[in-house]
């Protein structure tokens, strides 16, 4: 008999019971996952649910989004704020770690909640928006801080803001004389591509250069709907960069990384960063040691074009910023 078609999900799944009802976890797992849900948010969009092969216990899409009970176990090396945003937060919504650039976090909600997220302690549906007063204070900070030449919108996911609100924020930032570059980091184009409407693309059409870093970790995330969303963005003049996290069970092979980087390039996304996993609580199962990451990249060096080559980086402890991890090449 032919296999039954995968169930079609029309709403984002937000709890353990919903995952079980969709056939994405066994019913017996629900009590344990409800304990996880009490601490860390769950969200699996219809677009991502459609890509999950529920019959494959090692499915790389499921690994990123489906919670597991071991998330409640914190390893000794894991910390609540692995990137140390807090010491570099001069006021709510702003992180100023590097002299010439700063983060603006207008909200702490996302369309999906990645199980390896370094902000998993703070993001969730209750993260909400900055208040109007807090957003105004943050924008005023950028206006009076001339050393900042690049503003990076992150969160949460800025592309789940309404086009009107996002457009207003970008217009305000673009009008600051010393701000030269705008950048947005987002999962939306692959995780919830229906949000990339003509109105959203229009909101991103700024006078100043705007770079959109698309977070994707596996080639299968570049679905037909994601391709449509990415094409709409490039047609609006948005420059697309790719960022990924090296994850055990998702992309920890040369073949998986090659497929991912080639998929990005096919959709006009330049691979930019490959991140070493940040040590957020309950994420140890995703850890790939840096020496293994370097070995994987060495395998790729003569298999892919330089266009497909990201910088492999790791956050230093205490908020000291990113450093390249290599690999180091013998040119003798």
Protein backbone atom coordinates (compact mmCIF):
# COMPACT_ATOMS: atom_id res chain seq x y z
CA UNK A 1 0.00 0.00 0.00
CA UNK A 2 1.23 3.55 -0.67
CA UNK A 3 2.29 5.58 2.31
CA UNK A 4 -0.31 7.95 3.72
CA UNK A 5 0.42 11.59 2.96
CA UNK A 6 2.00 13.65 5.70
CA UNK A 7 -0.57 15.62 7.72
CA UNK A 8 -1.04 19.22 6.64
CA UNK A 9 -0.70 21.70 9.49
CA UNK A 10 -2.35 25.08 9.10
CA UNK A 11 -1.32 26.61 12.42
CA UNK A 12 1.90 26.90 14.34
CA UNK A 13 2.22 24.08 16.88
CA UNK A 14 2.95 25.57 20.30
CA UNK A 15 2.76 22.76 22.84
CA UNK A 16 3.62 19.13 23.48
CA UNK A 17 0.03 17.99 22.99
CA UNK A 18 -0.01 19.67 19.59
CA UNK A 19 3.19 17.91 18.59
CA UNK A 20 1.66 14.57 19.52
CA UNK A 21 -1.58 15.33 17.69
CA UNK A 22 0.44 16.15 14.58
CA UNK A 23 2.30 12.85 14.82
CA UNK A 24 5.62 14.55 15.46
CA UNK A 25 6.20 12.95 18.89
CA UNK A 26 4.71 9.84 20.50
CA UNK A 27 1.88 10.39 22.97
CA UNK A 28 3.97 8.78 25.70
CA UNK A 29 6.50 11.62 25.40
CA UNK A 30 3.99 14.36 26.17
CA UNK A 31 4.35 14.51 29.98
CA UNK A 32 8.13 14.88 29.76
CA UNK A 33 7.86 17.50 27.03
CA UNK A 34 5.28 19.46 29.01
CA UNK A 35 7.98 19.93 31.65
CA UNK A 36 10.27 21.31 28.93
CA UNK A 37 7.46 23.51 27.63
CA UNK A 38 7.08 25.07 31.09
CA UNK A 39 10.61 26.47 30.78
CA UNK A 40 11.34 26.84 27.06
CA UNK A 41 8.89 27.92 24.38
CA UNK A 42 7.79 25.61 21.58
CA UNK A 43 6.81 26.76 18.10
CA UNK A 44 6.84 24.75 14.89
CA UNK A 45 5.39 26.56 11.90
CA UNK A 46 3.34 24.76 9.24
CA UNK A 47 6.25 25.27 6.81
CA UNK A 48 8.68 23.45 9.10
CA UNK A 49 6.21 20.77 10.19
CA UNK A 50 5.71 19.92 6.52
CA UNK A 51 9.45 19.29 6.11
CA UNK A 52 9.79 16.92 9.06
CA UNK A 53 9.93 13.20 8.34
CA UNK A 54 8.23 11.90 11.48
CA UNK A 55 9.24 8.34 10.58
CA UNK A 56 12.94 9.24 10.79
CA UNK A 57 14.20 9.47 14.39
CA UNK A 58 17.29 11.29 13.08
CA UNK A 59 15.44 13.83 10.94
CA UNK A 60 17.61 16.99 10.82
CA UNK A 61 14.65 19.37 10.67
CA UNK A 62 12.94 17.76 13.66
CA UNK A 63 16.21 17.91 15.60
CA UNK A 64 16.19 21.69 15.37
CA UNK A 65 12.61 22.33 16.49
CA UNK A 66 11.15 19.35 18.37
CA UNK A 67 11.89 19.53 22.12
CA UNK A 68 13.44 16.69 24.07
CA UNK A 69 13.36 15.95 27.78
CA UNK A 70 17.14 16.31 28.17
CA UNK A 71 16.83 20.04 27.57
CA UNK A 72 16.14 20.33 31.29
CA UNK A 73 19.62 18.96 32.09
CA UNK A 74 22.22 21.72 32.30
CA UNK A 75 25.82 20.63 31.72
CA UNK A 76 28.56 22.15 33.92
CA UNK A 77 29.93 24.29 31.08
CA UNK A 78 26.52 25.76 30.09
CA UNK A 79 25.48 29.26 31.18
CA UNK A 80 22.27 31.31 31.08
CA UNK A 81 23.74 34.14 28.96
CA UNK A 82 26.50 32.52 26.86
CA UNK A 83 27.07 35.61 24.70
CA UNK A 84 27.05 37.90 27.76
CA UNK A 85 24.62 40.43 26.29
CA UNK A 86 23.65 41.81 29.67
CA UNK A 87 26.92 43.64 30.54
CA UNK A 88 26.82 45.38 27.14
CA UNK A 89 23.20 46.54 27.36
CA UNK A 90 23.18 50.32 27.98
CA UNK A 91 19.37 50.37 27.89
CA UNK A 92 16.56 47.92 27.05
CA UNK A 93 16.70 46.62 23.49
CA UNK A 94 20.29 47.71 22.75
CA UNK A 95 23.49 45.66 22.93
CA UNK A 96 26.75 47.56 22.23
CA UNK A 97 29.63 45.09 22.25
CA UNK A 98 31.73 46.37 19.33
CA UNK A 99 32.69 50.04 18.85
CA UNK A 100 31.22 50.52 15.36
CA UNK A 101 28.04 48.42 15.55
CA UNK A 102 25.25 47.62 17.94
CA UNK A 103 22.21 45.39 18.18
CA UNK A 104 18.64 46.61 18.31
CA UNK A 105 16.24 43.99 19.70
CA UNK A 106 12.72 45.36 19.11
CA UNK A 107 11.10 42.11 20.28
CA UNK A 108 11.96 38.74 21.83
CA UNK A 109 9.45 36.55 19.98
CA UNK A 110 10.19 34.26 17.02
CA UNK A 111 8.16 32.29 14.46
CA UNK A 112 9.93 29.10 15.60
CA UNK A 113 11.95 28.25 18.71
CA UNK A 114 15.22 26.48 18.00
CA UNK A 115 16.21 23.93 20.61
CA UNK A 116 19.85 25.15 20.54
CA UNK A 117 19.12 28.89 20.78
CA UNK A 118 21.60 30.92 22.86
CA UNK A 119 18.77 33.26 23.90
CA UNK A 120 16.39 30.43 24.81
CA UNK A 121 16.09 31.71 28.39
CA UNK A 122 14.55 35.00 27.25
CA UNK A 123 12.79 34.44 23.91
CA UNK A 124 9.18 33.31 23.70
CA UNK A 125 5.66 34.53 23.00
CA UNK A 126 5.74 36.48 26.27
CA UNK A 127 8.90 38.31 25.17
CA UNK A 128 6.72 40.70 23.26
CA UNK A 129 7.67 44.08 21.86
CA UNK A 130 9.63 46.90 23.32
CA UNK A 131 7.16 49.48 24.57
CA UNK A 132 6.83 52.62 22.48
CA UNK A 133 8.77 54.52 25.14
CA UNK A 134 11.56 51.89 25.25
CA UNK A 135 11.80 51.78 21.45
CA UNK A 136 11.97 55.58 21.29
CA UNK A 137 14.72 55.58 23.92
CA UNK A 138 16.67 52.94 21.96
CA UNK A 139 16.38 54.84 18.68
CA UNK A 140 17.44 58.05 20.42
CA UNK A 141 20.51 56.20 21.75
CA UNK A 142 21.54 55.32 18.20
CA UNK A 143 21.02 58.93 17.13
CA UNK A 144 23.37 60.24 19.82
CA UNK A 145 26.06 57.53 19.46
CA UNK A 146 28.14 58.56 16.44
CA UNK A 147 30.62 55.68 16.69
CA UNK A 148 27.88 53.24 15.65
CA UNK A 149 27.93 52.86 11.87
CA UNK A 150 26.01 49.60 11.61
CA UNK A 151 22.73 48.67 13.29
CA UNK A 152 21.83 44.99 13.55
CA UNK A 153 18.17 44.18 14.14
CA UNK A 154 17.77 40.90 15.95
CA UNK A 155 15.77 39.61 18.87
CA UNK A 156 13.63 37.55 18.63
CA UNK A 157 12.98 37.81 14.91
CA UNK A 158 12.44 41.30 13.49
CA UNK A 159 10.62 40.00 10.41
CA UNK A 160 7.59 39.01 12.46
CA UNK A 161 6.96 42.71 13.11
CA UNK A 162 4.25 44.23 10.96
CA UNK A 163 5.61 45.79 7.74
CA UNK A 164 4.43 49.17 8.99
CA UNK A 165 6.29 48.95 12.27
CA UNK A 166 9.43 47.43 10.77
CA UNK A 167 9.45 50.00 7.96
CA UNK A 168 9.15 52.84 10.46
CA UNK A 169 12.09 51.52 12.51
CA UNK A 170 14.27 51.09 9.43
CA UNK A 171 13.36 54.54 8.10
CA UNK A 172 14.27 56.12 11.44
CA UNK A 173 17.62 54.32 11.53
CA UNK A 174 18.39 55.04 7.87
CA UNK A 175 17.87 58.75 8.53
CA UNK A 176 20.72 58.84 11.07
CA UNK A 177 23.71 60.38 9.25
CA UNK A 178 26.41 58.25 10.92
CA UNK A 179 24.54 54.95 10.36
CA UNK A 180 25.91 53.49 7.13
CA UNK A 181 24.66 49.89 7.16
CA UNK A 182 21.52 48.14 8.35
CA UNK A 183 21.45 44.43 9.01
CA UNK A 184 18.63 42.06 10.01
CA UNK A 185 19.02 38.51 11.33
CA UNK A 186 16.02 36.27 10.68
CA UNK A 187 14.68 32.75 10.39
CA UNK A 188 11.49 33.91 8.68
CA UNK A 189 12.39 33.41 4.98
CA UNK A 190 12.89 29.66 5.51
CA UNK A 191 10.91 28.94 8.69
CA UNK A 192 7.79 30.99 7.93
CA UNK A 193 8.12 32.13 4.31
CA UNK A 194 4.46 33.15 4.01
CA UNK A 195 5.33 36.20 6.11
CA UNK A 196 7.53 37.55 3.31
CA UNK A 197 4.78 39.48 1.61
CA UNK A 198 5.08 42.27 -0.93
CA UNK A 199 4.41 44.71 1.91
CA UNK A 200 7.27 43.30 3.96
CA UNK A 201 9.66 43.43 1.00
CA UNK A 202 8.64 47.04 0.40
CA UNK A 203 9.40 47.86 4.04
CA UNK A 204 12.94 46.55 3.55
CA UNK A 205 13.63 48.72 0.50
CA UNK A 206 15.77 51.32 2.26
CA UNK A 207 18.04 53.98 0.80
CA UNK A 208 20.99 52.71 2.82
CA UNK A 209 22.49 49.24 2.29
CA UNK A 210 20.46 46.55 4.02
CA UNK A 211 21.82 43.05 4.57
CA UNK A 212 19.54 40.24 5.66
CA UNK A 213 21.24 37.29 7.39
CA UNK A 214 19.09 34.24 6.77
CA UNK A 215 19.53 31.57 9.45
CA UNK A 216 19.35 28.05 7.99
CA UNK A 217 21.14 24.89 9.04
CA UNK A 218 20.11 22.25 6.52
CA UNK A 219 19.59 22.25 2.76
CA UNK A 220 16.03 20.93 3.11
CA UNK A 221 14.99 24.19 4.75
CA UNK A 222 15.17 25.80 1.29
CA UNK A 223 11.72 24.70 0.22
CA UNK A 224 9.79 25.96 -2.79
CA UNK A 225 8.01 28.49 -0.56
CA UNK A 226 11.34 29.63 0.90
CA UNK A 227 12.66 30.09 -2.64
CA UNK A 228 9.71 32.35 -3.45
CA UNK A 229 10.29 34.41 -0.31
CA UNK A 230 14.01 34.79 -0.97
CA UNK A 231 13.40 35.80 -4.57
CA UNK A 232 10.96 38.47 -3.42
CA UNK A 233 13.61 39.86 -1.07
CA UNK A 234 16.37 39.98 -3.67
CA UNK A 235 14.02 41.67 -6.11
CA UNK A 236 13.52 44.38 -3.46
CA UNK A 237 17.27 44.99 -3.42
CA UNK A 238 17.99 43.21 -0.14
CA UNK A 239 21.44 41.58 -0.02
CA UNK A 240 21.17 38.09 1.48
CA UNK A 241 23.79 36.50 3.71
CA UNK A 242 23.60 33.07 5.33
CA UNK A 243 24.37 32.09 8.88
CA UNK A 244 24.32 28.60 10.31
CA UNK A 245 25.22 26.79 13.50
CA UNK A 246 27.30 23.61 13.36
CA UNK A 247 24.98 21.08 14.98
CA UNK A 248 25.35 17.40 15.84
CA UNK A 249 22.68 15.43 14.04
CA UNK A 250 21.80 18.28 11.67
CA UNK A 251 24.80 19.29 9.55
CA UNK A 252 27.84 17.61 11.11
CA UNK A 253 29.17 16.04 7.92
CA UNK A 254 31.02 17.46 4.94
CA UNK A 255 28.17 16.33 2.70
CA UNK A 256 25.50 18.11 4.75
CA UNK A 257 27.51 21.33 4.91
CA UNK A 258 28.23 21.21 1.18
CA UNK A 259 24.54 20.70 0.41
CA UNK A 260 23.61 23.56 2.74
CA UNK A 261 26.09 26.07 1.30
CA UNK A 262 25.21 25.12 -2.27
CA UNK A 263 21.50 25.53 -1.48
CA UNK A 264 22.21 28.99 -0.12
CA UNK A 265 24.06 30.05 -3.25
CA UNK A 266 21.32 28.73 -5.51
CA UNK A 267 18.97 31.13 -3.73
CA UNK A 268 21.39 34.10 -3.87
CA UNK A 269 22.34 33.74 -0.21
CA UNK A 270 26.08 34.19 0.44
CA UNK A 271 27.25 31.92 3.30
CA UNK A 272 28.59 34.35 5.90
CA UNK A 273 29.00 32.70 9.31
CA UNK A 274 29.19 29.11 10.48
CA UNK A 275 28.82 29.39 14.25
CA UNK A 276 30.26 27.09 16.85
CA UNK A 277 27.44 26.20 19.26
CA UNK A 278 27.00 28.63 22.15
CA UNK A 279 26.77 26.91 25.53
CA UNK A 280 23.15 27.62 26.39
CA UNK A 281 21.53 25.38 29.02
CA UNK A 282 20.27 22.03 27.80
CA UNK A 283 21.97 22.11 24.39
CA UNK A 284 24.86 19.68 24.92
CA UNK A 285 23.44 17.11 22.51
CA UNK A 286 24.15 19.49 19.62
CA UNK A 287 27.82 20.04 20.47
CA UNK A 288 30.42 19.44 17.72
CA UNK A 289 34.00 20.02 18.96
CA UNK A 290 35.88 22.79 17.11
CA UNK A 291 38.57 20.39 15.93
CA UNK A 292 35.87 18.34 14.22
CA UNK A 293 34.41 21.48 12.68
CA UNK A 294 37.82 22.42 11.30
CA UNK A 295 38.25 18.96 9.84
CA UNK A 296 34.87 19.20 8.10
CA UNK A 297 35.81 22.52 6.53
CA UNK A 298 39.15 21.14 5.35
CA UNK A 299 37.23 18.42 3.53
CA UNK A 300 35.17 21.08 1.77
CA UNK A 301 37.97 23.37 0.69
CA UNK A 302 38.49 21.91 -2.79
CA UNK A 303 34.89 20.74 -3.22
CA UNK A 304 33.10 24.08 -3.17
CA UNK A 305 33.67 27.52 -4.64
CA UNK A 306 35.00 30.28 -2.42
CA UNK A 307 31.56 31.87 -2.68
CA UNK A 308 30.26 28.97 -0.58
CA UNK A 309 32.86 29.45 2.15
CA UNK A 310 31.65 30.97 5.46
CA UNK A 311 33.80 32.18 8.32
CA UNK A 312 33.78 29.60 11.11
CA UNK A 313 33.42 31.56 14.35
CA UNK A 314 32.97 31.14 18.08
CA UNK A 315 31.85 33.57 20.77
CA UNK A 316 34.54 34.16 23.36
CA UNK A 317 33.55 33.93 27.03
CA UNK A 318 32.37 37.00 28.88
CA UNK A 319 31.05 38.83 25.84
CA UNK A 320 34.47 39.34 24.26
CA UNK A 321 33.00 38.82 20.80
CA UNK A 322 33.48 36.42 17.91
CA UNK A 323 36.82 34.97 16.81
CA UNK A 324 37.52 32.89 13.69
CA UNK A 325 38.26 29.23 14.42
CA UNK A 326 40.12 28.39 11.23
CA UNK A 327 40.97 25.94 9.85
CA UNK A 328 44.69 26.78 9.61
CA UNK A 329 46.34 25.88 6.31
CA UNK A 330 49.89 24.74 5.68
CA UNK A 331 51.09 26.70 2.65
CA UNK A 332 54.70 25.58 2.87
